[in-house]
Amino acid sequence: MSEDKRKNPRIDFCLPVTIKGHEGAKEIKDFSLSGLFVEVEDPSRFARGDMINLVIELPYDKPIVVKARVMRLTDKGIGVEFVDLHPEDLMALGECFDIFKYTIPMPGS
């Protein structure tokens, strides 16, 4: 088993997301306060280091737009790290994370 090198805990949580400039809605499969994994149909359209803008549909708040850097590519999607996250967006993500971390299993549990 490989060691998880992430800075923040994450939860398996599905949220709808749109990647600006890419057709169709995508789905977040897990997220943390520093990044997330997005399932996409064709990950080969992305490269490590690409900067993208995500529109994240939070379950209890208005959508937020965040800038992210592609850090990881798999055959199912892309792992991204948030860049220049606005404090109010970080607070909204933090509230969502805090609410659901007790009801949704952590990956691997």
PDB file of N, CA and C in Angstrom:
ATOM      1  N   MET A   1       0.837  -1.169   0.000  1.00  0.00           N
ATOM      2  CA  MET A   1       0.000   0.000   0.000  1.00  0.00           C
ATOM      3  C   MET A   1       0.888   1.241   0.000  1.00  0.00           C
ATOM      4  N   SER A   2       0.622   2.208  -0.874  1.00  0.00           N
ATOM      5  CA  SER A   2       1.444   3.410  -0.936  1.00  0.00           C
ATOM      6  C   SER A   2       0.990   4.430   0.099  1.00  0.00           C
ATOM      7  N   GLU A   3       1.941   5.234   0.519  1.00  0.00           N
ATOM      8  CA  GLU A   3       1.662   6.251   1.524  1.00  0.00           C
ATOM      9  C   GLU A   3       0.937   7.421   0.873  1.00  0.00           C
ATOM     10  N   ASP A   4      -0.109   7.917   1.535  1.00  0.00           N
ATOM     11  CA  ASP A   4      -0.854   9.060   1.046  1.00  0.00           C
ATOM     12  C   ASP A   4      -0.073  10.323   1.385  1.00  0.00           C
ATOM     13  N   LYS A   5       0.314  11.093   0.367  1.00  0.00           N
ATOM     14  CA  LYS A   5       1.154  12.269   0.566  1.00  0.00           C
ATOM     15  C   LYS A   5       0.351  13.566   0.580  1.00  0.00           C
ATOM     16  N   ARG A   6      -0.967  13.484   0.627  1.00  0.00           N
ATOM     17  CA  ARG A   6      -1.793  14.682   0.615  1.00  0.00           C
ATOM     18  C   ARG A   6      -1.626  15.461   1.920  1.00  0.00           C
ATOM     19  N   LYS A   7      -1.726  16.791   1.809  1.00  0.00           N
ATOM     20  CA  LYS A   7      -1.596  17.672   2.969  1.00  0.00           C
ATOM     21  C   LYS A   7      -2.847  17.665   3.828  1.00  0.00           C
ATOM     22  N   ASN A   8      -4.008  17.492   3.207  1.00  0.00           N
ATOM     23  CA  ASN A   8      -5.284  17.584   3.911  1.00  0.00           C
ATOM     24  C   ASN A   8      -6.077  16.286   3.765  1.00  0.00           C
ATOM     25  N   PRO A   9      -6.893  15.972   4.772  1.00  0.00           N
ATOM     26  CA  PRO A   9      -7.764  14.800   4.629  1.00  0.00           C
ATOM     27  C   PRO A   9      -8.757  15.033   3.493  1.00  0.00           C
ATOM     28  N   ARG A  10      -9.278  13.950   2.956  1.00  0.00           N
ATOM     29  CA  ARG A  10     -10.249  14.054   1.873  1.00  0.00           C
ATOM     30  C   ARG A  10     -11.420  13.137   2.161  1.00  0.00           C
ATOM     31  N   ILE A  11     -12.528  13.394   1.485  1.00  0.00           N
ATOM     32  CA  ILE A  11     -13.693  12.537   1.616  1.00  0.00           C
ATOM     33  C   ILE A  11     -14.178  12.126   0.229  1.00  0.00           C
ATOM     34  N   ASP A  12     -14.736  10.909   0.152  1.00  0.00           N
ATOM     35  CA  ASP A  12     -15.385  10.455  -1.074  1.00  0.00           C
ATOM     36  C   ASP A  12     -16.740  11.144  -1.129  1.00  0.00           C
ATOM     37  N   PHE A  13     -16.856  12.112  -1.983  1.00  0.00           N
ATOM     38  CA  PHE A  13     -18.063  12.923  -2.016  1.00  0.00           C
ATOM     39  C   PHE A  13     -18.315  13.355  -3.438  1.00  0.00           C
ATOM     40  N   CYS A  14     -19.476  13.090  -3.958  1.00  0.00           N
ATOM     41  CA  CYS A  14     -19.789  13.430  -5.343  1.00  0.00           C
ATOM     42  C   CYS A  14     -20.477  14.788  -5.422  1.00  0.00           C
ATOM     43  N   LEU A  15     -19.913  15.654  -6.218  1.00  0.00           N
ATOM     44  CA  LEU A  15     -20.492  16.969  -6.493  1.00  0.00           C
ATOM     45  C   LEU A  15     -20.411  17.224  -7.983  1.00  0.00           C
ATOM     46  N   PRO A  16     -21.431  17.869  -8.555  1.00  0.00           N
ATOM     47  CA  PRO A  16     -21.324  18.239  -9.960  1.00  0.00           C
ATOM     48  C   PRO A  16     -20.335  19.387 -10.124  1.00  0.00           C
ATOM     49  N   VAL A  17     -19.586  19.361 -11.218  1.00  0.00           N
ATOM     50  CA  VAL A  17     -18.605  20.398 -11.509  1.00  0.00           C
ATOM     51  C   VAL A  17     -18.527  20.576 -13.019  1.00  0.00           C
ATOM     52  N   THR A  18     -18.272  21.795 -13.433  1.00  0.00           N
ATOM     53  CA  THR A  18     -18.044  22.103 -14.838  1.00  0.00           C
ATOM     54  C   THR A  18     -16.626  22.626 -14.965  1.00  0.00           C
ATOM     55  N   ILE A  19     -15.927  22.174 -15.979  1.00  0.00           N
ATOM     56  CA  ILE A  19     -14.599  22.703 -16.280  1.00  0.00           C
ATOM     57  C   ILE A  19     -14.784  23.694 -17.413  1.00  0.00           C
ATOM     58  N   LYS A  20     -14.522  24.973 -17.119  1.00  0.00           N
ATOM     59  CA  LYS A  20     -14.727  26.011 -18.142  1.00  0.00           C
ATOM     60  C   LYS A  20     -13.898  25.688 -19.380  1.00  0.00           C
ATOM     61  N   GLY A  21     -14.545  25.794 -20.539  1.00  0.00           N
ATOM     62  CA  GLY A  21     -13.881  25.513 -21.800  1.00  0.00           C
ATOM     63  C   GLY A  21     -13.956  24.059 -22.223  1.00  0.00           C
ATOM     64  N   HIS A  22     -14.573  23.217 -21.395  1.00  0.00           N
ATOM     65  CA  HIS A  22     -14.731  21.792 -21.718  1.00  0.00           C
ATOM     66  C   HIS A  22     -16.213  21.445 -21.607  1.00  0.00           C
ATOM     67  N   GLU A  23     -16.742  20.845 -22.645  1.00  0.00           N
ATOM     68  CA  GLU A  23     -18.165  20.540 -22.716  1.00  0.00           C
ATOM     69  C   GLU A  23     -18.620  19.576 -21.633  1.00  0.00           C
ATOM     70  N   GLY A  24     -19.851  19.757 -21.187  1.00  0.00           N
ATOM     71  CA  GLY A  24     -20.502  18.801 -20.315  1.00  0.00           C
ATOM     72  C   GLY A  24     -20.139  18.917 -18.849  1.00  0.00           C
ATOM     73  N   ALA A  25     -21.060  18.472 -18.013  1.00  0.00           N
ATOM     74  CA  ALA A  25     -20.845  18.453 -16.574  1.00  0.00           C
ATOM     75  C   ALA A  25     -19.984  17.257 -16.218  1.00  0.00           C
ATOM     76  N   LYS A  26     -19.166  17.422 -15.232  1.00  0.00           N
ATOM     77  CA  LYS A  26     -18.300  16.364 -14.727  1.00  0.00           C
ATOM     78  C   LYS A  26     -18.719  16.076 -13.293  1.00  0.00           C
ATOM     79  N   GLU A  27     -18.010  15.169 -12.648  1.00  0.00           N
ATOM     80  CA  GLU A  27     -18.337  14.843 -11.269  1.00  0.00           C
ATOM     81  C   GLU A  27     -17.075  14.734 -10.430  1.00  0.00           C
ATOM     82  N   ILE A  28     -17.108  15.420  -9.294  1.00  0.00           N
ATOM     83  CA  ILE A  28     -16.030  15.306  -8.323  1.00  0.00           C
ATOM     84  C   ILE A  28     -16.231  13.987  -7.597  1.00  0.00           C
ATOM     85  N   LYS A  29     -15.173  13.220  -7.427  1.00  0.00           N
ATOM     86  CA  LYS A  29     -15.265  11.948  -6.727  1.00  0.00           C
ATOM     87  C   LYS A  29     -14.701  12.014  -5.314  1.00  0.00           C
ATOM     88  N   ASP A  30     -13.770  12.870  -5.065  1.00  0.00           N
ATOM     89  CA  ASP A  30     -13.314  13.110  -3.703  1.00  0.00           C
ATOM     90  C   ASP A  30     -12.729  14.504  -3.645  1.00  0.00           C
ATOM     91  N   PHE A  31     -12.782  15.092  -2.471  1.00  0.00           N
ATOM     92  CA  PHE A  31     -12.196  16.416  -2.380  1.00  0.00           C
ATOM     93  C   PHE A  31     -11.641  16.673  -0.995  1.00  0.00           C
ATOM     94  N   SER A  32     -10.727  17.625  -0.956  1.00  0.00           N
ATOM     95  CA  SER A  32     -10.153  18.106   0.294  1.00  0.00           C
ATOM     96  C   SER A  32     -10.114  19.620   0.196  1.00  0.00           C
ATOM     97  N   LEU A  33      -9.569  20.258   1.189  1.00  0.00           N
ATOM     98  CA  LEU A  33      -9.498  21.715   1.166  1.00  0.00           C
ATOM     99  C   LEU A  33      -8.348  22.232   0.300  1.00  0.00           C
ATOM    100  N   SER A  34      -7.534  21.328  -0.237  1.00  0.00           N
ATOM    101  CA  SER A  34      -6.441  21.771  -1.106  1.00  0.00           C
ATOM    102  C   SER A  34      -6.608  21.308  -2.549  1.00  0.00           C
ATOM    103  N   GLY A  35      -7.573  20.420  -2.832  1.00  0.00           N
ATOM    104  CA  GLY A  35      -7.769  19.948  -4.187  1.00  0.00           C
ATOM    105  C   GLY A  35      -8.836  18.890  -4.271  1.00  0.00           C
ATOM    106  N   LEU A  36      -8.958  18.286  -5.455  1.00  0.00           N
ATOM    107  CA  LEU A  36      -9.997  17.288  -5.669  1.00  0.00           C
ATOM    108  C   LEU A  36      -9.670  16.436  -6.883  1.00  0.00           C
ATOM    109  N   PHE A  37     -10.460  15.375  -7.062  1.00  0.00           N
ATOM    110  CA  PHE A  37     -10.343  14.511  -8.231  1.00  0.00           C
ATOM    111  C   PHE A  37     -11.633  14.642  -9.031  1.00  0.00           C
ATOM    112  N   VAL A  38     -11.490  14.869 -10.328  1.00  0.00           N
ATOM    113  CA  VAL A  38     -12.646  15.029 -11.209  1.00  0.00           C
ATOM    114  C   VAL A  38     -12.658  13.904 -12.230  1.00  0.00           C
ATOM    115  N   GLU A  39     -13.766  13.180 -12.296  1.00  0.00           N
ATOM    116  CA  GLU A  39     -13.935  12.175 -13.350  1.00  0.00           C
ATOM    117  C   GLU A  39     -14.222  12.901 -14.655  1.00  0.00           C
ATOM    118  N   VAL A  40     -13.457  12.570 -15.687  1.00  0.00           N
ATOM    119  CA  VAL A  40     -13.674  13.149 -17.013  1.00  0.00           C
ATOM    120  C   VAL A  40     -13.647  12.020 -18.044  1.00  0.00           C
ATOM    121  N   GLU A  41     -14.350  12.231 -19.143  1.00  0.00           N
ATOM    122  CA  GLU A  41     -14.426  11.204 -20.187  1.00  0.00           C
ATOM    123  C   GLU A  41     -13.096  10.996 -20.896  1.00  0.00           C
ATOM    124  N   ASP A  42     -12.354  12.083 -21.133  1.00  0.00           N
ATOM    125  CA  ASP A  42     -11.111  11.988 -21.897  1.00  0.00           C
ATOM    126  C   ASP A  42      -9.981  12.735 -21.177  1.00  0.00           C
ATOM    127  N   PRO A  43      -9.340  12.083 -20.185  1.00  0.00           N
ATOM    128  CA  PRO A  43      -8.260  12.752 -19.456  1.00  0.00           C
ATOM    129  C   PRO A  43      -7.084  13.159 -20.333  1.00  0.00           C
ATOM    130  N   SER A  44      -6.953  12.547 -21.520  1.00  0.00           N
ATOM    131  CA  SER A  44      -5.830  12.887 -22.393  1.00  0.00           C
ATOM    132  C   SER A  44      -5.927  14.317 -22.928  1.00  0.00           C
ATOM    133  N   ARG A  45      -7.070  14.968 -22.748  1.00  0.00           N
ATOM    134  CA  ARG A  45      -7.223  16.362 -23.162  1.00  0.00           C
ATOM    135  C   ARG A  45      -6.491  17.308 -22.212  1.00  0.00           C
ATOM    136  N   PHE A  46      -5.991  16.763 -21.097  1.00  0.00           N
ATOM    137  CA  PHE A  46      -5.317  17.560 -20.088  1.00  0.00           C
ATOM    138  C   PHE A  46      -3.865  17.108 -19.955  1.00  0.00           C
ATOM    139  N   ALA A  47      -3.035  17.988 -19.436  1.00  0.00           N
ATOM    140  CA  ALA A  47      -1.635  17.663 -19.159  1.00  0.00           C
ATOM    141  C   ALA A  47      -1.296  18.152 -17.753  1.00  0.00           C
ATOM    142  N   ARG A  48      -0.348  17.474 -17.128  1.00  0.00           N
ATOM    143  CA  ARG A  48       0.128  17.925 -15.816  1.00  0.00           C
ATOM    144  C   ARG A  48       0.581  19.370 -15.917  1.00  0.00           C
ATOM    145  N   GLY A  49       0.135  20.188 -14.977  1.00  0.00           N
ATOM    146  CA  GLY A  49       0.502  21.596 -14.975  1.00  0.00           C
ATOM    147  C   GLY A  49      -0.513  22.515 -15.636  1.00  0.00           C
ATOM    148  N   ASP A  50      -1.476  21.953 -16.389  1.00  0.00           N
ATOM    149  CA  ASP A  50      -2.519  22.789 -16.997  1.00  0.00           C
ATOM    150  C   ASP A  50      -3.264  23.560 -15.915  1.00  0.00           C
ATOM    151  N   MET A  51      -3.578  24.811 -16.201  1.00  0.00           N
ATOM    152  CA  MET A  51      -4.414  25.617 -15.313  1.00  0.00           C
ATOM    153  C   MET A  51      -5.840  25.563 -15.854  1.00  0.00           C
ATOM    154  N   ILE A  52      -6.802  25.270 -14.981  1.00  0.00           N
ATOM    155  CA  ILE A  52      -8.201  25.177 -15.378  1.00  0.00           C
ATOM    156  C   ILE A  52      -9.056  25.946 -14.385  1.00  0.00           C
ATOM    157  N   ASN A  53     -10.264  26.295 -14.801  1.00  0.00           N
ATOM    158  CA  ASN A  53     -11.242  26.929 -13.927  1.00  0.00           C
ATOM    159  C   ASN A  53     -12.410  25.967 -13.734  1.00  0.00           C
ATOM    160  N   LEU A  54     -12.734  25.719 -12.475  1.00  0.00           N
ATOM    161  CA  LEU A  54     -13.815  24.805 -12.127  1.00  0.00           C
ATOM    162  C   LEU A  54     -14.997  25.583 -11.566  1.00  0.00           C
ATOM    163  N   VAL A  55     -16.200  25.207 -11.972  1.00  0.00           N
ATOM    164  CA  VAL A  55     -17.419  25.729 -11.362  1.00  0.00           C
ATOM    165  C   VAL A  55     -17.975  24.582 -10.525  1.00  0.00           C
ATOM    166  N   ILE A  56     -17.893  24.718  -9.205  1.00  0.00           N
ATOM    167  CA  ILE A  56     -18.292  23.654  -8.286  1.00  0.00           C
ATOM    168  C   ILE A  56     -19.675  23.962  -7.728  1.00  0.00           C
ATOM    169  N   GLU A  57     -20.584  22.997  -7.880  1.00  0.00           N
ATOM    170  CA  GLU A  57     -21.955  23.130  -7.379  1.00  0.00           C
ATOM    171  C   GLU A  57     -22.020  22.628  -5.936  1.00  0.00           C
ATOM    172  N   LEU A  58     -21.948  23.533  -4.973  1.00  0.00           N
ATOM    173  CA  LEU A  58     -22.037  23.136  -3.567  1.00  0.00           C
ATOM    174  C   LEU A  58     -23.479  22.796  -3.230  1.00  0.00           C
ATOM    175  N   PRO A  59     -23.707  21.831  -2.324  1.00  0.00           N
ATOM    176  CA  PRO A  59     -25.074  21.366  -2.064  1.00  0.00           C
ATOM    177  C   PRO A  59     -25.962  22.372  -1.337  1.00  0.00           C
ATOM    178  N   TYR A  60     -25.415  23.344  -0.677  1.00  0.00           N
ATOM    179  CA  TYR A  60     -26.247  24.239   0.127  1.00  0.00           C
ATOM    180  C   TYR A  60     -25.944  25.713  -0.137  1.00  0.00           C
ATOM    181  N   ASP A  61     -25.155  26.008  -1.142  1.00  0.00           N
ATOM    182  CA  ASP A  61     -24.730  27.372  -1.402  1.00  0.00           C
ATOM    183  C   ASP A  61     -24.698  27.590  -2.911  1.00  0.00           C
ATOM    184  N   LYS A  62     -24.434  28.812  -3.326  1.00  0.00           N
ATOM    185  CA  LYS A  62     -24.310  29.088  -4.755  1.00  0.00           C
ATOM    186  C   LYS A  62     -23.024  28.451  -5.282  1.00  0.00           C
ATOM    187  N   PRO A  63     -22.963  28.202  -6.590  1.00  0.00           N
ATOM    188  CA  PRO A  63     -21.739  27.632  -7.164  1.00  0.00           C
ATOM    189  C   PRO A  63     -20.549  28.565  -6.945  1.00  0.00           C
ATOM    190  N   ILE A  64     -19.355  27.973  -6.836  1.00  0.00           N
ATOM    191  CA  ILE A  64     -18.142  28.775  -6.730  1.00  0.00           C
ATOM    192  C   ILE A  64     -17.245  28.454  -7.915  1.00  0.00           C
ATOM    193  N   VAL A  65     -16.455  29.434  -8.324  1.00  0.00           N
ATOM    194  CA  VAL A  65     -15.501  29.261  -9.415  1.00  0.00           C
ATOM    195  C   VAL A  65     -14.111  29.290  -8.803  1.00  0.00           C
ATOM    196  N   VAL A  66     -13.333  28.228  -9.052  1.00  0.00           N
ATOM    197  CA  VAL A  66     -11.984  28.154  -8.497  1.00  0.00           C
ATOM    198  C   VAL A  66     -10.976  27.836  -9.593  1.00  0.00           C
ATOM    199  N   LYS A  67      -9.791  28.397  -9.430  1.00  0.00           N
ATOM    200  CA  LYS A  67      -8.678  28.112 -10.336  1.00  0.00           C
ATOM    201  C   LYS A  67      -7.936  26.908  -9.772  1.00  0.00           C
ATOM    202  N   ALA A  68      -7.523  25.997 -10.656  1.00  0.00           N
ATOM    203  CA  ALA A  68      -6.830  24.787 -10.209  1.00  0.00           C
ATOM    204  C   ALA A  68      -5.753  24.397 -11.210  1.00  0.00           C
ATOM    205  N   ARG A  69      -4.766  23.662 -10.705  1.00  0.00           N
ATOM    206  CA  ARG A  69      -3.664  23.139 -11.525  1.00  0.00           C
ATOM    207  C   ARG A  69      -3.793  21.620 -11.580  1.00  0.00           C
ATOM    208  N   VAL A  70      -3.711  21.060 -12.781  1.00  0.00           N
ATOM    209  CA  VAL A  70      -3.754  19.609 -12.940  1.00  0.00           C
ATOM    210  C   VAL A  70      -2.448  19.030 -12.390  1.00  0.00           C
ATOM    211  N   MET A  71      -2.575  18.133 -11.415  1.00  0.00           N
ATOM    212  CA  MET A  71      -1.414  17.536 -10.763  1.00  0.00           C
ATOM    213  C   MET A  71      -1.258  16.051 -11.082  1.00  0.00           C
ATOM    214  N   ARG A  72      -2.380  15.400 -11.446  1.00  0.00           N
ATOM    215  CA  ARG A  72      -2.340  13.951 -11.648  1.00  0.00           C
ATOM    216  C   ARG A  72      -3.336  13.568 -12.726  1.00  0.00           C
ATOM    217  N   LEU A  73      -2.954  12.609 -13.545  1.00  0.00           N
ATOM    218  CA  LEU A  73      -3.820  12.082 -14.599  1.00  0.00           C
ATOM    219  C   LEU A  73      -3.967  10.582 -14.406  1.00  0.00           C
ATOM    220  N   THR A  74      -5.187  10.090 -14.523  1.00  0.00           N
ATOM    221  CA  THR A  74      -5.431   8.649 -14.520  1.00  0.00           C
ATOM    222  C   THR A  74      -6.327   8.341 -15.716  1.00  0.00           C
ATOM    223  N   ASP A  75      -6.648   7.080 -15.910  1.00  0.00           N
ATOM    224  CA  ASP A  75      -7.549   6.736 -17.011  1.00  0.00           C
ATOM    225  C   ASP A  75      -8.991   7.144 -16.721  1.00  0.00           C
ATOM    226  N   LYS A  76      -9.301   7.525 -15.483  1.00  0.00           N
ATOM    227  CA  LYS A  76     -10.660   7.925 -15.112  1.00  0.00           C
ATOM    228  C   LYS A  76     -10.838   9.426 -14.945  1.00  0.00           C
ATOM    229  N   GLY A  77      -9.735  10.167 -14.794  1.00  0.00           N
ATOM    230  CA  GLY A  77      -9.908  11.597 -14.585  1.00  0.00           C
ATOM    231  C   GLY A  77      -8.630  12.311 -14.199  1.00  0.00           C
ATOM    232  N   ILE A  78      -8.812  13.476 -13.571  1.00  0.00           N
ATOM    233  CA  ILE A  78      -7.685  14.331 -13.219  1.00  0.00           C
ATOM    234  C   ILE A  78      -7.735  14.726 -11.739  1.00  0.00           C
ATOM    235  N   GLY A  79      -6.576  14.758 -11.134  1.00  0.00           N
ATOM    236  CA  GLY A  79      -6.435  15.277  -9.779  1.00  0.00           C
ATOM    237  C   GLY A  79      -5.915  16.694  -9.878  1.00  0.00           C
ATOM    238  N   VAL A  80      -6.560  17.627  -9.175  1.00  0.00           N
ATOM    239  CA  VAL A  80      -6.170  19.032  -9.269  1.00  0.00           C
ATOM    240  C   VAL A  80      -5.895  19.606  -7.886  1.00  0.00           C
ATOM    241  N   GLU A  81      -5.065  20.640  -7.880  1.00  0.00           N
ATOM    242  CA  GLU A  81      -4.738  21.382  -6.673  1.00  0.00           C
ATOM    243  C   GLU A  81      -5.277  22.803  -6.853  1.00  0.00           C
ATOM    244  N   PHE A  82      -5.971  23.313  -5.824  1.00  0.00           N
ATOM    245  CA  PHE A  82      -6.499  24.664  -5.908  1.00  0.00           C
ATOM    246  C   PHE A  82      -5.358  25.677  -5.934  1.00  0.00           C
ATOM    247  N   VAL A  83      -5.566  26.765  -6.693  1.00  0.00           N
ATOM    248  CA  VAL A  83      -4.579  27.838  -6.808  1.00  0.00           C
ATOM    249  C   VAL A  83      -5.291  29.155  -6.502  1.00  0.00           C
ATOM    250  N   ASP A  84      -4.695  29.974  -5.659  1.00  0.00           N
ATOM    251  CA  ASP A  84      -5.251  31.300  -5.350  1.00  0.00           C
ATOM    252  C   ASP A  84      -6.719  31.230  -4.942  1.00  0.00           C
ATOM    253  N   LEU A  85      -7.045  30.315  -4.045  1.00  0.00           N
ATOM    254  CA  LEU A  85      -8.425  30.157  -3.583  1.00  0.00           C
ATOM    255  C   LEU A  85      -8.834  31.375  -2.757  1.00  0.00           C
ATOM    256  N   HIS A  86      -9.926  32.010  -3.121  1.00  0.00           N
ATOM    257  CA  HIS A  86     -10.430  33.164  -2.379  1.00  0.00           C
ATOM    258  C   HIS A  86     -10.867  32.717  -0.987  1.00  0.00           C
ATOM    259  N   PRO A  87     -10.641  33.536   0.021  1.00  0.00           N
ATOM    260  CA  PRO A  87     -10.999  33.145   1.398  1.00  0.00           C
ATOM    261  C   PRO A  87     -12.462  32.737   1.563  1.00  0.00           C
ATOM    262  N   GLU A  88     -13.386  33.432   0.882  1.00  0.00           N
ATOM    263  CA  GLU A  88     -14.798  33.064   1.021  1.00  0.00           C
ATOM    264  C   GLU A  88     -15.093  31.713   0.361  1.00  0.00           C
ATOM    265  N   ASP A  89     -14.373  31.385  -0.717  1.00  0.00           N
ATOM    266  CA  ASP A  89     -14.549  30.074  -1.355  1.00  0.00           C
ATOM    267  C   ASP A  89     -13.958  28.969  -0.477  1.00  0.00           C
ATOM    268  N   LEU A  90     -12.810  29.247   0.138  1.00  0.00           N
ATOM    269  CA  LEU A  90     -12.223  28.284   1.063  1.00  0.00           C
ATOM    270  C   LEU A  90     -13.160  28.039   2.240  1.00  0.00           C
ATOM    271  N   MET A  91     -13.799  29.103   2.726  1.00  0.00           N
ATOM    272  CA  MET A  91     -14.738  28.954   3.833  1.00  0.00           C
ATOM    273  C   MET A  91     -15.944  28.110   3.416  1.00  0.00           C
ATOM    274  N   ALA A  92     -16.470  28.343   2.203  1.00  0.00           N
ATOM    275  CA  ALA A  92     -17.613  27.565   1.713  1.00  0.00           C
ATOM    276  C   ALA A  92     -17.234  26.091   1.559  1.00  0.00           C
ATOM    277  N   LEU A  93     -16.054  25.817   0.991  1.00  0.00           N
ATOM    278  CA  LEU A  93     -15.597  24.433   0.862  1.00  0.00           C
ATOM    279  C   LEU A  93     -15.371  23.813   2.240  1.00  0.00           C
ATOM    280  N   GLY A  94     -14.813  24.587   3.162  1.00  0.00           N
ATOM    281  CA  GLY A  94     -14.566  24.095   4.518  1.00  0.00           C
ATOM    282  C   GLY A  94     -15.849  23.731   5.228  1.00  0.00           C
ATOM    283  N   GLU A  95     -16.881  24.554   5.088  1.00  0.00           N
ATOM    284  CA  GLU A  95     -18.176  24.255   5.711  1.00  0.00           C
ATOM    285  C   GLU A  95     -18.765  22.979   5.130  1.00  0.00           C
ATOM    286  N   CYS A  96     -18.684  22.831   3.811  1.00  0.00           N
ATOM    287  CA  CYS A  96     -19.181  21.623   3.146  1.00  0.00           C
ATOM    288  C   CYS A  96     -18.411  20.407   3.651  1.00  0.00           C
ATOM    289  N   PHE A  97     -17.091  20.515   3.691  1.00  0.00           N
ATOM    290  CA  PHE A  97     -16.253  19.411   4.154  1.00  0.00           C
ATOM    291  C   PHE A  97     -16.606  19.040   5.594  1.00  0.00           C
ATOM    292  N   ASP A  98     -16.730  20.042   6.470  1.00  0.00           N
ATOM    293  CA  ASP A  98     -17.024  19.784   7.875  1.00  0.00           C
ATOM    294  C   ASP A  98     -18.377  19.110   8.069  1.00  0.00           C
ATOM    295  N   ILE A  99     -19.362  19.516   7.291  1.00  0.00           N
ATOM    296  CA  ILE A  99     -20.695  18.919   7.403  1.00  0.00           C
ATOM    297  C   ILE A  99     -20.671  17.452   6.993  1.00  0.00           C
ATOM    298  N   PHE A 100     -20.005  17.144   5.887  1.00  0.00           N
ATOM    299  CA  PHE A 100     -20.089  15.804   5.323  1.00  0.00           C
ATOM    300  C   PHE A 100     -19.008  14.838   5.774  1.00  0.00           C
ATOM    301  N   LYS A 101     -17.949  15.312   6.409  1.00  0.00           N
ATOM    302  CA  LYS A 101     -16.874  14.393   6.796  1.00  0.00           C
ATOM    303  C   LYS A 101     -17.321  13.376   7.845  1.00  0.00           C
ATOM    304  N   TYR A 102     -18.385  13.694   8.582  1.00  0.00           N
ATOM    305  CA  TYR A 102     -18.859  12.765   9.591  1.00  0.00           C
ATOM    306  C   TYR A 102     -19.898  11.783   9.076  1.00  0.00           C
ATOM    307  N   THR A 103     -20.401  12.031   7.864  1.00  0.00           N
ATOM    308  CA  THR A 103     -21.451  11.152   7.326  1.00  0.00           C
ATOM    309  C   THR A 103     -21.004  10.373   6.099  1.00  0.00           C
ATOM    310  N   ILE A 104     -19.866  10.756   5.529  1.00  0.00           N
ATOM    311  CA  ILE A 104     -19.371  10.102   4.321  1.00  0.00           C
ATOM    312  C   ILE A 104     -18.032   9.428   4.646  1.00  0.00           C
ATOM    313  N   PRO A 105     -17.846   8.190   4.240  1.00  0.00           N
ATOM    314  CA  PRO A 105     -16.597   7.510   4.595  1.00  0.00           C
ATOM    315  C   PRO A 105     -15.365   8.143   3.956  1.00  0.00           C
ATOM    316  N   MET A 106     -14.277   8.118   4.704  1.00  0.00           N
ATOM    317  CA  MET A 106     -12.999   8.554   4.176  1.00  0.00           C
ATOM    318  C   MET A 106     -12.520   7.466   3.205  1.00  0.00           C
ATOM    319  N   PRO A 107     -11.790   7.826   2.159  1.00  0.00           N
ATOM    320  CA  PRO A 107     -11.293   6.817   1.229  1.00  0.00           C
ATOM    321  C   PRO A 107     -10.478   5.756   1.976  1.00  0.00           C
ATOM    322  N   GLY A 108     -10.701   4.518   1.609  1.00  0.00           N
ATOM    323  CA  GLY A 108      -9.952   3.418   2.216  1.00  0.00           C
ATOM    324  C   GLY A 108     -10.538   2.909   3.514  1.00  0.00           C
ATOM    325  N   SER A 109     -11.626   3.548   4.019  1.00  0.00           N
ATOM    326  CA  SER A 109     -12.198   3.065   5.290  1.00  0.00           C
ATOM    327  C   SER A 109     -13.338   2.112   5.079  1.00  0.00           C
TER     328      SER A 109
END
